[in-house]
Amino acid sequence: MKPFCFADGEIIPAQDARLHPADLAVIRGYGIFDFFRTQAYQPVFLEDYLDRFIGSAAKTYLPLAYSREELRAIIAELIQKNDMEQGGIRMVLTGGVSEDHFSPATGKLFMFGEELSFPSEEKYQNGVKLISLEHVRAIADIKTTNYTLPVWHSVQWNAQGAEDVIYHWDGQVSESSRSNFFIVKDGIISTPDRHILMGITRKHLLAIAGNVQVRPISLAEVWEADEAFISATTKIILPVTQIDDRKVGSGKVGKVSLDILGKFQGKVQDYLKANKG
């Protein structure tokens, strides 16, 4: 963690940040967060992340005491204070201390900087393995702090040499625990439309690719796909070459996945140039 964070309305040493033990974030796992990366001292796609964070607060009935302009100013100060040329910033709004220890209350806003490392080059070159899991994430369209299942299950998938899971329910796939999911068949990219978090990286991939099919995708289609990949802030686009004990397509990273990865990286550079200042 970077040395300075935002808590209790000001930038303070991260080691001094405090949370009441009865906060719903602790006793019920109730709260929201968002995470974006910085590059060349700039927050990448910041407005998209603020849209989602502000929307998540409203949907979870958690008062957010700061305007968009104030959030921008806090973020800018935090980047400068932590000398964050490249890294990640996590925004967390807790559930608050509730009179009945259950109902949403007025929580605390924290922002803190983190080191950011992408998956190894080997994973981009060879792809990764996912484990299929029958599950639908609760209120998937809100970025809540409740990651109990994947944190618990990660011990199992790590033991199997997997990067993460792919959720499916009633024969339809949705997402990974921390990423959106895409398949490629005959050159056409498709991504699930239900029971998913609307990822920011996903949003920009849809714009880059142009003709992506956003629709229900069956698990059977995944087994027949030519390529697959996951997308997230901390992964960008990571090719998937195996699910369970089955290869995806040829079992090698595909051309479409690599092509869209290159286009996304180009879009980030364009964004940084346009917002430099």
Foldseek 3Di string as FASTA:
>chain_A
DFQWKDWPHDIDGPVPHDDDCLFCCNVPVWWAKFKFKAAQLHTFPVVVRVVQRVVLCVVLVEDDPDDPVRVVVRSSVQCVVRVPNIWMKMWIWTQGRDPVSDRRDHTIIMIDTDHADADDPVQQFQPFEAEEDADFDPPAQGRGSPLVVQVVCVVVVVVVRGPFYWYDHPQWTAQTSAWFKWFAAPRAIEGEQPSHHPAPLVVVLCVQVVRHHHYTDGPVVQLVTQWMWIDHNRHSTGTHQYYDHGGGRVSGHDPSSVVSSVVSVVVSVVSCVVPPD
